[in-house]
Amino acid sequence: MANYAEKEVKLVEKIGKEMDKLDVTLGKMEDTDSKIKHFYEQEKALHEVKSIIRKENKIEKEEQKAHDKAVENAENWINDQDSLVYQINAEIDKLDNTLGKIDSDENKVKSYLEQKKAIHEIKKIVKKTDQLG
């Protein structure tokens, strides 16, 4: 979100311009005694000021919604990444347990195959990461 103080300054400037425009209009009407015309011009200026404030509030609400959505998306992404890291750690732990059970007398080929199987599973998990991004 943009700096709140800057937004406030811009809003006050817009309202100030509207008030200046009202002063000019009322200055031109100085010679007329019609209170109705003065009232109408003042009402018109107040309506415009209210409109400016409503627009600013609407913009701020939309910016807040966008910010909240971005935060939610970031949190979801982090949770997905944490889940994938947990799955990878589980595969590595499973491989360690399997390799720990293999005796040194047993064939090295069995160790190789277990490692290859674990790497394949980890690659599938990493591929999920690519699909999330």
N, C-alpha and C. Protein backbone atom coordinates (compact mmCIF):
# COMPACT_ATOMS: atom_id res chain seq x y z
N MET A 1 0.83 -1.17 0.00
CA MET A 1 0.00 0.00 0.00
C MET A 1 0.88 1.24 0.00
N ALA A 2 0.37 2.29 -0.59
CA ALA A 2 1.11 3.54 -0.67
C ALA A 2 1.15 4.20 0.70
N ASN A 3 2.02 5.14 0.82
CA ASN A 3 2.18 5.84 2.08
C ASN A 3 0.88 6.57 2.44
N TYR A 4 0.39 6.36 3.65
CA TYR A 4 -0.88 6.93 4.08
C TYR A 4 -0.82 8.45 4.12
N ALA A 5 0.29 9.01 4.57
CA ALA A 5 0.43 10.46 4.66
C ALA A 5 0.36 11.10 3.27
N GLU A 6 0.97 10.47 2.27
CA GLU A 6 0.92 11.00 0.91
C GLU A 6 -0.51 10.98 0.37
N LYS A 7 -1.23 9.91 0.65
CA LYS A 7 -2.62 9.83 0.22
C LYS A 7 -3.46 10.93 0.86
N GLU A 8 -3.20 11.13 2.13
CA GLU A 8 -3.96 12.15 2.85
C GLU A 8 -3.68 13.53 2.27
N VAL A 9 -2.43 13.82 1.94
CA VAL A 9 -2.08 15.10 1.35
C VAL A 9 -2.79 15.28 0.01
N LYS A 10 -2.80 14.25 -0.82
CA LYS A 10 -3.48 14.32 -2.13
C LYS A 10 -4.97 14.55 -1.95
N LEU A 11 -5.56 13.86 -0.98
CA LEU A 11 -6.98 14.02 -0.72
C LEU A 11 -7.29 15.45 -0.29
N VAL A 12 -6.49 15.99 0.60
CA VAL A 12 -6.69 17.36 1.07
C VAL A 12 -6.50 18.34 -0.09
N GLU A 13 -5.53 18.07 -0.97
CA GLU A 13 -5.33 18.93 -2.14
C GLU A 13 -6.56 18.92 -3.05
N LYS A 14 -7.12 17.74 -3.29
CA LYS A 14 -8.33 17.65 -4.13
C LYS A 14 -9.48 18.44 -3.51
N ILE A 15 -9.64 18.28 -2.20
CA ILE A 15 -10.72 19.00 -1.52
C ILE A 15 -10.44 20.51 -1.56
N GLY A 16 -9.18 20.89 -1.38
CA GLY A 16 -8.80 22.30 -1.45
C GLY A 16 -9.11 22.91 -2.81
N LYS A 17 -8.84 22.16 -3.88
CA LYS A 17 -9.15 22.64 -5.23
C LYS A 17 -10.65 22.86 -5.39
N GLU A 18 -11.43 21.94 -4.83
CA GLU A 18 -12.88 22.07 -4.93
C GLU A 18 -13.36 23.30 -4.16
N MET A 19 -12.76 23.56 -3.01
CA MET A 19 -13.12 24.74 -2.22
C MET A 19 -12.70 26.03 -2.94
N ASP A 20 -11.54 26.00 -3.60
CA ASP A 20 -11.11 27.16 -4.38
C ASP A 20 -12.08 27.44 -5.52
N LYS A 21 -12.52 26.36 -6.17
CA LYS A 21 -13.48 26.51 -7.26
C LYS A 21 -14.79 27.12 -6.74
N LEU A 22 -15.21 26.70 -5.54
CA LEU A 22 -16.42 27.25 -4.93
C LEU A 22 -16.23 28.74 -4.63
N ASP A 23 -15.05 29.10 -4.10
CA ASP A 23 -14.78 30.52 -3.81
C ASP A 23 -14.85 31.37 -5.07
N VAL A 24 -14.28 30.86 -6.17
CA VAL A 24 -14.31 31.59 -7.44
C VAL A 24 -15.75 31.76 -7.92
N THR A 25 -16.52 30.68 -7.85
CA THR A 25 -17.91 30.73 -8.28
C THR A 25 -18.72 31.71 -7.43
N LEU A 26 -18.53 31.63 -6.13
CA LEU A 26 -19.26 32.54 -5.24
C LEU A 26 -18.78 33.98 -5.42
N GLY A 27 -17.50 34.15 -5.73
CA GLY A 27 -16.97 35.49 -5.99
C GLY A 27 -17.61 36.11 -7.22
N LYS A 28 -17.85 35.31 -8.24
CA LYS A 28 -18.52 35.80 -9.45
C LYS A 28 -19.97 36.15 -9.17
N MET A 29 -20.54 35.46 -8.19
CA MET A 29 -21.95 35.68 -7.85
C MET A 29 -22.12 36.77 -6.81
N GLU A 30 -21.06 37.44 -6.44
CA GLU A 30 -21.07 38.45 -5.38
C GLU A 30 -22.15 39.51 -5.62
N ASP A 31 -22.34 39.87 -6.86
CA ASP A 31 -23.29 40.94 -7.18
C ASP A 31 -24.74 40.49 -7.07
N THR A 32 -24.98 39.17 -7.11
CA THR A 32 -26.36 38.71 -7.04
C THR A 32 -26.76 38.54 -5.59
N ASP A 33 -28.00 38.80 -5.33
CA ASP A 33 -28.55 38.66 -3.97
C ASP A 33 -29.27 37.33 -3.80
N SER A 34 -29.21 36.49 -4.79
CA SER A 34 -29.94 35.23 -4.75
C SER A 34 -29.27 34.24 -3.81
N LYS A 35 -29.90 34.02 -2.69
CA LYS A 35 -29.40 33.05 -1.71
C LYS A 35 -29.55 31.62 -2.22
N ILE A 36 -30.53 31.42 -3.08
CA ILE A 36 -30.76 30.08 -3.62
C ILE A 36 -29.59 29.66 -4.49
N LYS A 37 -29.06 30.56 -5.31
CA LYS A 37 -27.92 30.23 -6.16
C LYS A 37 -26.69 29.95 -5.32
N HIS A 38 -26.50 30.75 -4.26
CA HIS A 38 -25.37 30.51 -3.34
C HIS A 38 -25.51 29.14 -2.68
N PHE A 39 -26.71 28.86 -2.19
CA PHE A 39 -26.97 27.58 -1.54
C PHE A 39 -26.72 26.42 -2.51
N TYR A 40 -27.21 26.57 -3.74
CA TYR A 40 -27.03 25.53 -4.74
C TYR A 40 -25.55 25.27 -5.01
N GLU A 41 -24.76 26.32 -5.19
CA GLU A 41 -23.33 26.17 -5.45
C GLU A 41 -22.61 25.52 -4.27
N GLN A 42 -23.00 25.90 -3.07
CA GLN A 42 -22.39 25.29 -1.87
C GLN A 42 -22.74 23.81 -1.78
N GLU A 43 -23.99 23.49 -2.05
CA GLU A 43 -24.42 22.09 -2.03
C GLU A 43 -23.67 21.27 -3.07
N LYS A 44 -23.50 21.85 -4.25
CA LYS A 44 -22.78 21.18 -5.33
C LYS A 44 -21.33 20.91 -4.90
N ALA A 45 -20.69 21.88 -4.27
CA ALA A 45 -19.31 21.71 -3.81
C ALA A 45 -19.22 20.66 -2.71
N LEU A 46 -20.15 20.68 -1.77
CA LEU A 46 -20.14 19.66 -0.70
C LEU A 46 -20.37 18.26 -1.27
N HIS A 47 -21.26 18.16 -2.25
CA HIS A 47 -21.50 16.88 -2.89
C HIS A 47 -20.21 16.37 -3.56
N GLU A 48 -19.48 17.26 -4.21
CA GLU A 48 -18.23 16.86 -4.87
C GLU A 48 -17.18 16.42 -3.84
N VAL A 49 -17.10 17.12 -2.70
CA VAL A 49 -16.16 16.74 -1.65
C VAL A 49 -16.51 15.35 -1.11
N LYS A 50 -17.79 15.12 -0.88
CA LYS A 50 -18.21 13.79 -0.42
C LYS A 50 -17.85 12.72 -1.43
N SER A 51 -18.03 13.03 -2.70
CA SER A 51 -17.70 12.09 -3.77
C SER A 51 -16.20 11.77 -3.78
N ILE A 52 -15.38 12.80 -3.60
CA ILE A 52 -13.92 12.59 -3.55
C ILE A 52 -13.56 11.66 -2.39
N ILE A 53 -14.16 11.90 -1.24
CA ILE A 53 -13.86 11.08 -0.05
C ILE A 53 -14.33 9.64 -0.25
N ARG A 54 -15.51 9.45 -0.85
CA ARG A 54 -16.01 8.09 -1.12
C ARG A 54 -15.07 7.34 -2.06
N LYS A 55 -14.60 8.03 -3.10
CA LYS A 55 -13.67 7.39 -4.04
C LYS A 55 -12.40 6.96 -3.33
N GLU A 56 -11.86 7.81 -2.48
CA GLU A 56 -10.64 7.47 -1.75
C GLU A 56 -10.87 6.27 -0.83
N ASN A 57 -12.00 6.25 -0.15
CA ASN A 57 -12.31 5.12 0.74
C ASN A 57 -12.45 3.83 -0.05
N LYS A 58 -13.08 3.92 -1.23
CA LYS A 58 -13.25 2.74 -2.08
C LYS A 58 -11.89 2.22 -2.54
N ILE A 59 -11.00 3.14 -2.95
CA ILE A 59 -9.66 2.75 -3.39
C ILE A 59 -8.90 2.09 -2.25
N GLU A 60 -8.98 2.66 -1.05
CA GLU A 60 -8.28 2.08 0.11
C GLU A 60 -8.79 0.68 0.42
N LYS A 61 -10.11 0.49 0.32
CA LYS A 61 -10.68 -0.85 0.58
C LYS A 61 -10.19 -1.85 -0.45
N GLU A 62 -10.14 -1.44 -1.72
CA GLU A 62 -9.66 -2.34 -2.78
C GLU A 62 -8.18 -2.67 -2.58
N GLU A 63 -7.39 -1.68 -2.19
CA GLU A 63 -5.96 -1.92 -1.92
C GLU A 63 -5.80 -2.88 -0.75
N GLN A 64 -6.62 -2.72 0.28
CA GLN A 64 -6.53 -3.60 1.44
C GLN A 64 -6.90 -5.03 1.05
N LYS A 65 -7.94 -5.18 0.22
CA LYS A 65 -8.33 -6.51 -0.25
C LYS A 65 -7.20 -7.16 -1.04
N ALA A 66 -6.57 -6.37 -1.91
CA ALA A 66 -5.47 -6.90 -2.72
C ALA A 66 -4.30 -7.31 -1.83
N HIS A 67 -4.02 -6.49 -0.83
CA HIS A 67 -2.92 -6.80 0.10
C HIS A 67 -3.24 -8.08 0.88
N ASP A 68 -4.47 -8.18 1.39
CA ASP A 68 -4.86 -9.38 2.14
C ASP A 68 -4.77 -10.63 1.28
N LYS A 69 -5.18 -10.51 0.01
CA LYS A 69 -5.12 -11.66 -0.90
C LYS A 69 -3.67 -12.06 -1.16
N ALA A 70 -2.79 -11.06 -1.31
CA ALA A 70 -1.37 -11.36 -1.53
C ALA A 70 -0.76 -12.07 -0.32
N VAL A 71 -1.13 -11.62 0.87
CA VAL A 71 -0.63 -12.26 2.09
C VAL A 71 -1.14 -13.70 2.18
N GLU A 72 -2.41 -13.89 1.88
CA GLU A 72 -2.99 -15.24 1.91
C GLU A 72 -2.30 -16.16 0.92
N ASN A 73 -2.05 -15.65 -0.30
CA ASN A 73 -1.36 -16.46 -1.32
C ASN A 73 0.04 -16.81 -0.88
N ALA A 74 0.74 -15.86 -0.26
CA ALA A 74 2.10 -16.13 0.22
C ALA A 74 2.08 -17.19 1.33
N GLU A 75 1.13 -17.08 2.23
CA GLU A 75 1.03 -18.07 3.32
C GLU A 75 0.73 -19.46 2.75
N ASN A 76 -0.18 -19.53 1.76
CA ASN A 76 -0.49 -20.82 1.14
C ASN A 76 0.74 -21.40 0.46
N TRP A 77 1.49 -20.56 -0.25
CA TRP A 77 2.69 -21.02 -0.94
C TRP A 77 3.71 -21.56 0.07
N ILE A 78 3.90 -20.82 1.18
CA ILE A 78 4.85 -21.26 2.22
C ILE A 78 4.40 -22.60 2.80
N ASN A 79 3.11 -22.74 3.07
CA ASN A 79 2.60 -24.00 3.62
C ASN A 79 2.81 -25.15 2.63
N ASP A 80 2.58 -24.88 1.34
CA ASP A 80 2.81 -25.92 0.33
C ASP A 80 4.28 -26.31 0.29
N GLN A 81 5.16 -25.31 0.34
CA GLN A 81 6.59 -25.59 0.31
C GLN A 81 7.02 -26.38 1.55
N ASP A 82 6.50 -25.99 2.71
CA ASP A 82 6.82 -26.72 3.94
C ASP A 82 6.38 -28.17 3.84
N SER A 83 5.21 -28.38 3.26
CA SER A 83 4.70 -29.74 3.10
C SER A 83 5.61 -30.56 2.19
N LEU A 84 6.07 -29.95 1.10
CA LEU A 84 6.94 -30.66 0.17
C LEU A 84 8.30 -30.97 0.82
N VAL A 85 8.82 -30.03 1.58
CA VAL A 85 10.09 -30.27 2.28
C VAL A 85 9.92 -31.40 3.28
N TYR A 86 8.79 -31.43 3.97
CA TYR A 86 8.51 -32.51 4.91
C TYR A 86 8.46 -33.85 4.17
N GLN A 87 7.83 -33.89 3.00
CA GLN A 87 7.75 -35.13 2.22
C GLN A 87 9.14 -35.60 1.78
N ILE A 88 9.98 -34.65 1.37
CA ILE A 88 11.35 -35.00 0.96
C ILE A 88 12.12 -35.56 2.14
N ASN A 89 11.99 -34.91 3.29
CA ASN A 89 12.66 -35.41 4.50
C ASN A 89 12.18 -36.82 4.86
N ALA A 90 10.89 -37.06 4.69
CA ALA A 90 10.34 -38.39 4.98
C ALA A 90 10.94 -39.43 4.05
N GLU A 91 11.10 -39.08 2.77
CA GLU A 91 11.72 -40.02 1.81
C GLU A 91 13.17 -40.32 2.20
N ILE A 92 13.89 -39.29 2.59
CA ILE A 92 15.30 -39.48 2.99
C ILE A 92 15.39 -40.34 4.24
N ASP A 93 14.51 -40.09 5.21
CA ASP A 93 14.50 -40.91 6.43
C ASP A 93 14.16 -42.36 6.09
N LYS A 94 13.21 -42.54 5.19
CA LYS A 94 12.84 -43.90 4.78
C LYS A 94 14.02 -44.60 4.11
N LEU A 95 14.75 -43.86 3.27
CA LEU A 95 15.94 -44.42 2.62
C LEU A 95 16.99 -44.79 3.65
N ASP A 96 17.23 -43.90 4.61
CA ASP A 96 18.20 -44.20 5.65
C ASP A 96 17.85 -45.46 6.42
N ASN A 97 16.57 -45.61 6.76
CA ASN A 97 16.13 -46.82 7.47
C ASN A 97 16.34 -48.07 6.62
N THR A 98 15.98 -47.96 5.35
CA THR A 98 16.14 -49.11 4.44
C THR A 98 17.61 -49.48 4.29
N LEU A 99 18.45 -48.47 4.10
CA LEU A 99 19.89 -48.74 3.94
C LEU A 99 20.50 -49.27 5.24
N GLY A 100 19.97 -48.82 6.36
CA GLY A 100 20.47 -49.31 7.65
C GLY A 100 20.16 -50.79 7.86
N LYS A 101 19.10 -51.28 7.26
CA LYS A 101 18.71 -52.68 7.40
C LYS A 101 19.49 -53.60 6.47
N ILE A 102 20.09 -53.02 5.45
CA ILE A 102 20.84 -53.84 4.50
C ILE A 102 22.20 -54.16 5.14
N ASP A 103 22.50 -55.44 5.23
CA ASP A 103 23.79 -55.85 5.78
C ASP A 103 24.89 -55.55 4.78
N SER A 104 26.09 -55.40 5.32
CA SER A 104 27.22 -55.16 4.43
C SER A 104 27.50 -56.40 3.59
N ASP A 105 27.03 -57.51 4.05
CA ASP A 105 27.23 -58.74 3.29
C ASP A 105 26.32 -58.80 2.06
N GLU A 106 25.18 -58.06 2.17
CA GLU A 106 24.23 -58.11 1.06
C GLU A 106 24.78 -57.34 -0.12
N ASN A 107 24.14 -57.53 -1.19
CA ASN A 107 24.57 -57.00 -2.46
C ASN A 107 24.50 -55.46 -2.48
N LYS A 108 25.52 -54.83 -3.03
CA LYS A 108 25.55 -53.37 -3.20
C LYS A 108 24.49 -52.92 -4.19
N VAL A 109 24.08 -53.84 -5.02
CA VAL A 109 23.06 -53.52 -6.02
C VAL A 109 21.74 -53.14 -5.32
N LYS A 110 21.44 -53.84 -4.23
CA LYS A 110 20.20 -53.55 -3.49
C LYS A 110 20.25 -52.12 -2.93
N SER A 111 21.39 -51.68 -2.41
CA SER A 111 21.55 -50.31 -1.91
C SER A 111 21.36 -49.32 -3.04
N TYR A 112 21.97 -49.62 -4.16
CA TYR A 112 21.86 -48.75 -5.33
C TYR A 112 20.40 -48.61 -5.76
N LEU A 113 19.69 -49.72 -5.81
CA LEU A 113 18.29 -49.69 -6.24
C LEU A 113 17.41 -48.90 -5.26
N GLU A 114 17.66 -49.05 -3.98
CA GLU A 114 16.91 -48.31 -2.97
C GLU A 114 17.17 -46.81 -3.09
N GLN A 115 18.44 -46.45 -3.33
CA GLN A 115 18.78 -45.04 -3.51
C GLN A 115 18.10 -44.48 -4.75
N LYS A 116 18.12 -45.24 -5.82
CA LYS A 116 17.51 -44.81 -7.07
C LYS A 116 16.00 -44.62 -6.89
N LYS A 117 15.38 -45.53 -6.16
CA LYS A 117 13.94 -45.43 -5.88
C LYS A 117 13.64 -44.17 -5.06
N ALA A 118 14.46 -43.89 -4.07
CA ALA A 118 14.27 -42.69 -3.24
C ALA A 118 14.46 -41.42 -4.06
N ILE A 119 15.48 -41.43 -4.92
CA ILE A 119 15.72 -40.26 -5.78
C ILE A 119 14.53 -40.04 -6.72
N HIS A 120 13.98 -41.11 -7.23
CA HIS A 120 12.82 -41.00 -8.11
C HIS A 120 11.64 -40.36 -7.35
N GLU A 121 11.41 -40.79 -6.13
CA GLU A 121 10.31 -40.23 -5.32
C GLU A 121 10.57 -38.75 -5.02
N ILE A 122 11.80 -38.40 -4.72
CA ILE A 122 12.14 -37.00 -4.44
C ILE A 122 11.94 -36.14 -5.69
N LYS A 123 12.30 -36.69 -6.84
CA LYS A 123 12.09 -35.95 -8.10
C LYS A 123 10.61 -35.69 -8.34
N LYS A 124 9.75 -36.66 -8.01
CA LYS A 124 8.31 -36.46 -8.15
C LYS A 124 7.83 -35.33 -7.24
N ILE A 125 8.38 -35.29 -6.03
CA ILE A 125 8.00 -34.23 -5.09
C ILE A 125 8.47 -32.87 -5.61
N VAL A 126 9.69 -32.82 -6.12
CA VAL A 126 10.23 -31.57 -6.65
C VAL A 126 9.41 -31.12 -7.86
N LYS A 127 8.94 -32.05 -8.65
CA LYS A 127 8.11 -31.71 -9.81
C LYS A 127 6.80 -31.05 -9.34
N LYS A 128 6.27 -31.47 -8.21
CA LYS A 128 5.08 -30.82 -7.64
C LYS A 128 5.39 -29.36 -7.35
N THR A 129 6.59 -29.08 -6.88
CA THR A 129 7.01 -27.71 -6.58
C THR A 129 6.96 -26.85 -7.83
N ASP A 130 7.42 -27.39 -8.95
CA ASP A 130 7.39 -26.66 -10.21
C ASP A 130 5.96 -26.35 -10.63
N GLN A 131 5.06 -27.27 -10.37
CA GLN A 131 3.68 -27.09 -10.75
C GLN A 131 3.00 -26.03 -9.88
N LEU A 132 3.46 -25.86 -8.64
CA LEU A 132 2.85 -24.85 -7.75
C LEU A 132 3.24 -23.45 -8.18
N GLY A 133 4.45 -23.26 -8.67
CA GLY A 133 4.96 -21.93 -9.01
C GLY A 133 4.44 -21.45 -10.25
